[in-house]
Amino acid sequence: MPAIPAPLHRDAIDVVLFDAMGVLYSPADDVGELLVPYLRSHGCVLLREEIAQLYQECSLGKMSSADFWATSGAAGASDEEYCRNHRLTEGVVALLAELDATEVRLGCLSNDVSEWSKLLRERFGLGEYLTDWFISGDTGVRKPAPEAFTILCRRLDVVPDRILLIDDRAENVSAARAAGLQALQYGADRLSTMDQLRKELRPW
């Protein structure tokens, strides 16, 4: 269920954080649409539920990506090959460039494997726009856990209500608002494209 829309206080936003899968990159369900098929193509016979559990542990930094491939039984699998299946969301670079031209600070808050996140941001050159990266594989905390938001506020040294999170999952948007952040759900109703998101952020 989509998170209930909340009005933005555009003149009180110092930081905009983007989720990765489903916002910066596609598809939104990277485990189901990318990871499981990739593992199958490399001989993995684990159940989907087992793969999801291993992925969650890896995305919490409990194992390296190399250990993940080995544990899943995916012969010849590699970070580089797997990450080539990801795509940028249409229009996202134009929006980042537009926001980067303002005084706002840009970053990413994502549940992801540390090694994969680094490869993707380097491949697409997103480090040019997004200066702050809060990846669960590095922090050891996944959204929607409250600690995920506590960590980023502390490290950014910014009060919660001056941070805007753009995420595609309703539970993350709700958790961010509960933590005091402003938040928008991308992919829901009137925010299903980057152009619609740009219009939502105007005139700020």
Protein backbone atom coordinates (compact mmCIF):
# COMPACT_ATOMS: atom_id res chain seq x y z
CA MET A 1 0.00 0.00 0.00
CA PRO A 2 1.41 3.41 -0.95
CA ALA A 3 2.49 5.68 1.87
CA ILE A 4 0.00 8.49 2.51
CA PRO A 5 1.27 11.64 0.75
CA ALA A 6 2.62 14.35 3.02
CA PRO A 7 3.26 17.97 2.05
CA LEU A 8 6.90 18.90 1.49
CA HIS A 9 8.50 21.82 3.29
CA ARG A 10 10.67 22.64 0.29
CA ASP A 11 12.39 25.64 1.86
CA ALA A 12 13.56 23.45 4.76
CA ILE A 13 15.44 20.79 2.81
CA ASP A 14 19.23 20.66 3.10
CA VAL A 15 19.80 17.06 2.00
CA VAL A 16 18.05 14.82 -0.54
CA LEU A 17 18.70 11.09 -0.24
CA PHE A 18 17.78 8.66 -3.02
CA ASP A 19 17.13 4.96 -2.62
CA ALA A 20 19.09 2.84 -5.12
CA MET A 21 17.04 -0.03 -6.58
CA GLY A 22 13.68 1.19 -7.79
CA VAL A 23 14.77 4.84 -7.78
CA LEU A 24 18.31 5.35 -9.10
CA TYR A 25 18.40 1.97 -10.82
CA SER A 26 15.92 -0.51 -12.25
CA PRO A 27 14.34 -2.91 -11.65
CA ALA A 28 12.94 -2.36 -8.16
CA ASP A 29 12.94 -6.07 -7.27
CA ASP A 30 16.62 -6.73 -7.91
CA VAL A 31 16.61 -10.02 -6.00
CA GLY A 32 13.69 -11.52 -7.93
CA GLU A 33 14.38 -10.01 -11.35
CA LEU A 34 18.19 -9.89 -11.42
CA LEU A 35 19.89 -11.87 -8.67
CA VAL A 36 17.88 -15.12 -8.74
CA PRO A 37 18.05 -15.49 -12.57
CA TYR A 38 21.76 -14.66 -12.52
CA LEU A 39 22.47 -17.28 -9.85
CA ARG A 40 20.41 -19.86 -11.74
CA SER A 41 22.48 -19.20 -14.88
CA HIS A 42 25.57 -20.06 -12.84
CA GLY A 43 24.27 -23.31 -11.42
CA CYS A 44 22.77 -22.21 -8.09
CA VAL A 45 20.08 -24.64 -6.89
CA LEU A 46 19.13 -22.88 -3.64
CA LEU A 47 15.50 -22.01 -3.03
CA ARG A 48 14.51 -18.40 -3.62
CA GLU A 49 13.94 -17.99 0.13
CA GLU A 50 17.46 -19.24 0.84
CA ILE A 51 18.90 -16.84 -1.74
CA ALA A 52 16.97 -13.95 -0.19
CA GLN A 53 18.32 -14.84 3.26
CA LEU A 54 21.91 -15.01 2.01
CA TYR A 55 21.46 -11.70 0.21
CA GLN A 56 20.14 -10.06 3.36
CA GLU A 57 23.14 -11.26 5.36
CA CYS A 58 25.51 -9.99 2.68
CA SER A 59 23.67 -6.66 2.51
CA LEU A 60 24.23 -6.32 6.27
CA GLY A 61 27.96 -6.78 5.83
CA LYS A 62 27.97 -10.21 7.48
CA MET A 63 29.76 -11.72 4.48
CA SER A 64 31.68 -10.42 1.47
CA SER A 65 30.28 -10.63 -2.05
CA ALA A 66 32.93 -13.28 -2.82
CA ASP A 67 31.64 -15.37 0.10
CA PHE A 68 28.08 -14.83 -1.14
CA TRP A 69 28.87 -16.24 -4.59
CA ALA A 70 30.72 -19.19 -3.07
CA THR A 71 28.01 -19.99 -0.51
CA SER A 72 25.28 -19.82 -3.15
CA GLY A 73 27.14 -22.33 -5.33
CA ALA A 74 27.29 -20.00 -8.33
CA ALA A 75 30.33 -21.18 -10.28
CA GLY A 76 32.11 -18.39 -12.13
CA ALA A 77 29.83 -15.64 -10.81
CA SER A 78 31.39 -12.21 -10.30
CA ASP A 79 30.43 -8.76 -9.05
CA GLU A 80 31.33 -7.13 -12.37
CA GLU A 81 29.24 -9.51 -14.48
CA TYR A 82 26.24 -9.34 -12.18
CA CYS A 83 26.25 -5.53 -11.96
CA ARG A 84 26.18 -5.24 -15.76
CA ASN A 85 22.51 -6.25 -15.59
CA HIS A 86 21.50 -3.07 -13.74
CA ARG A 87 20.17 -0.02 -15.58
CA LEU A 88 19.79 3.62 -14.62
CA THR A 89 16.23 4.84 -14.24
CA GLU A 90 15.33 7.01 -17.22
CA GLY A 91 15.81 10.69 -16.50
CA VAL A 92 17.61 10.26 -13.18
CA VAL A 93 20.92 11.82 -14.29
CA ALA A 94 19.15 14.93 -15.58
CA LEU A 95 17.34 15.31 -12.26
CA LEU A 96 20.55 14.83 -10.26
CA ALA A 97 22.34 17.41 -12.38
CA GLU A 98 19.49 19.87 -11.86
CA LEU A 99 19.51 19.36 -8.09
CA ASP A 100 23.30 19.48 -7.97
CA ALA A 101 23.15 23.01 -9.41
CA THR A 102 21.30 24.13 -6.26
CA GLU A 103 22.66 24.36 -2.72
CA VAL A 104 21.12 21.04 -1.73
CA ARG A 105 23.36 18.13 -0.67
CA LEU A 106 22.72 14.81 -2.42
CA GLY A 107 23.22 11.26 -1.20
CA CYS A 108 22.02 7.66 -1.30
CA LEU A 109 20.43 5.51 1.42
CA SER A 110 20.19 1.92 0.23
CA ASN A 111 19.90 -1.68 1.37
CA ASP A 112 22.63 -3.23 -0.75
CA VAL A 113 25.83 -5.25 -0.84
CA SER A 114 28.78 -2.91 -0.33
CA GLU A 115 30.82 -4.17 -3.30
CA TRP A 116 27.88 -3.98 -5.71
CA SER A 117 26.92 -0.48 -4.63
CA LYS A 118 30.46 0.78 -5.25
CA LEU A 119 30.67 -0.85 -8.68
CA LEU A 120 27.34 0.62 -9.78
CA ARG A 121 28.04 4.17 -8.64
CA GLU A 122 31.43 4.07 -10.40
CA ARG A 123 29.98 2.55 -13.56
CA PHE A 124 27.31 5.23 -13.88
CA GLY A 125 29.39 8.11 -12.52
CA LEU A 126 26.88 8.92 -9.80
CA GLY A 127 29.61 9.97 -7.40
CA GLU A 128 29.74 13.21 -9.39
CA TYR A 129 26.36 14.15 -7.92
CA LEU A 130 25.82 12.00 -4.84
CA THR A 131 28.45 12.76 -2.22
CA ASP A 132 27.05 10.81 0.75
CA TRP A 133 26.45 7.05 0.56
CA PHE A 134 24.74 5.15 3.37
CA ILE A 135 24.78 1.51 2.28
CA SER A 136 23.55 -1.23 4.61
CA GLY A 137 26.52 -3.40 3.71
CA ASP A 138 28.72 -0.68 5.24
CA THR A 139 26.53 0.48 8.14
CA GLY A 140 25.23 -2.95 9.17
CA VAL A 141 21.63 -1.67 9.31
CA ARG A 142 18.85 -2.06 6.75
CA LYS A 143 15.85 0.18 6.21
CA PRO A 144 13.23 0.42 7.64
CA ALA A 145 15.05 -0.04 10.96
CA PRO A 146 15.03 3.27 12.90
CA GLU A 147 18.79 3.03 13.42
CA ALA A 148 19.33 3.43 9.66
CA PHE A 149 17.96 6.97 9.91
CA THR A 150 19.70 7.73 13.21
CA ILE A 151 23.06 6.85 11.64
CA LEU A 152 22.63 9.09 8.59
CA CYS A 153 21.43 12.09 10.62
CA ARG A 154 24.41 11.75 12.93
CA ARG A 155 26.93 11.38 10.12
CA LEU A 156 25.42 14.19 8.07
CA ASP A 157 25.09 16.38 11.20
CA VAL A 158 21.68 17.48 9.93
CA VAL A 159 18.39 17.46 11.85
CA PRO A 160 15.89 14.90 10.48
CA ASP A 161 13.24 17.31 9.20
CA ARG A 162 15.75 18.97 6.87
CA ILE A 163 16.38 15.68 5.07
CA LEU A 164 14.20 14.38 2.22
CA LEU A 165 14.23 10.66 1.39
CA ILE A 166 12.97 9.44 -1.98
CA ASP A 167 12.24 5.71 -1.78
CA ASP A 168 10.05 3.29 -3.73
CA ARG A 169 8.92 1.20 -0.74
CA ALA A 170 6.04 2.40 1.42
CA GLU A 171 7.48 0.85 4.59
CA ASN A 172 10.71 2.82 4.17
CA VAL A 173 8.86 6.06 3.51
CA SER A 174 6.69 5.53 6.60
CA ALA A 175 9.74 4.68 8.74
CA ALA A 176 11.59 7.76 7.51
CA ARG A 177 8.65 9.99 8.42
CA ALA A 178 8.40 8.32 11.82
CA ALA A 179 12.06 9.21 12.33
CA GLY A 180 11.29 12.85 11.52
CA LEU A 181 12.50 12.99 7.93
CA GLN A 182 10.53 14.29 4.99
CA ALA A 183 9.87 11.50 2.47
CA LEU A 184 8.32 10.79 -0.92
CA GLN A 185 7.37 7.44 -2.41
CA TYR A 186 8.70 7.15 -5.95
CA GLY A 187 6.74 4.90 -8.30
CA ALA A 188 3.39 5.56 -6.63
CA ASP A 189 0.59 7.30 -8.51
CA ARG A 190 1.75 10.79 -9.52
CA LEU A 191 5.44 10.05 -8.88
CA SER A 192 6.05 7.22 -11.33
CA THR A 193 8.62 9.03 -13.52
CA MET A 194 11.62 11.27 -12.91
CA ASP A 195 9.85 14.10 -14.73
CA GLN A 196 6.93 13.87 -12.29
CA LEU A 197 9.39 13.83 -9.40
CA ARG A 198 11.11 16.94 -10.78
CA LYS A 199 7.75 18.74 -10.93
CA GLU A 200 7.00 17.67 -7.35
CA LEU A 201 10.24 19.23 -6.17
CA ARG A 202 9.69 22.55 -7.98
CA PRO A 203 10.16 25.40 -7.33
CA TRP A 204 12.70 24.27 -4.81
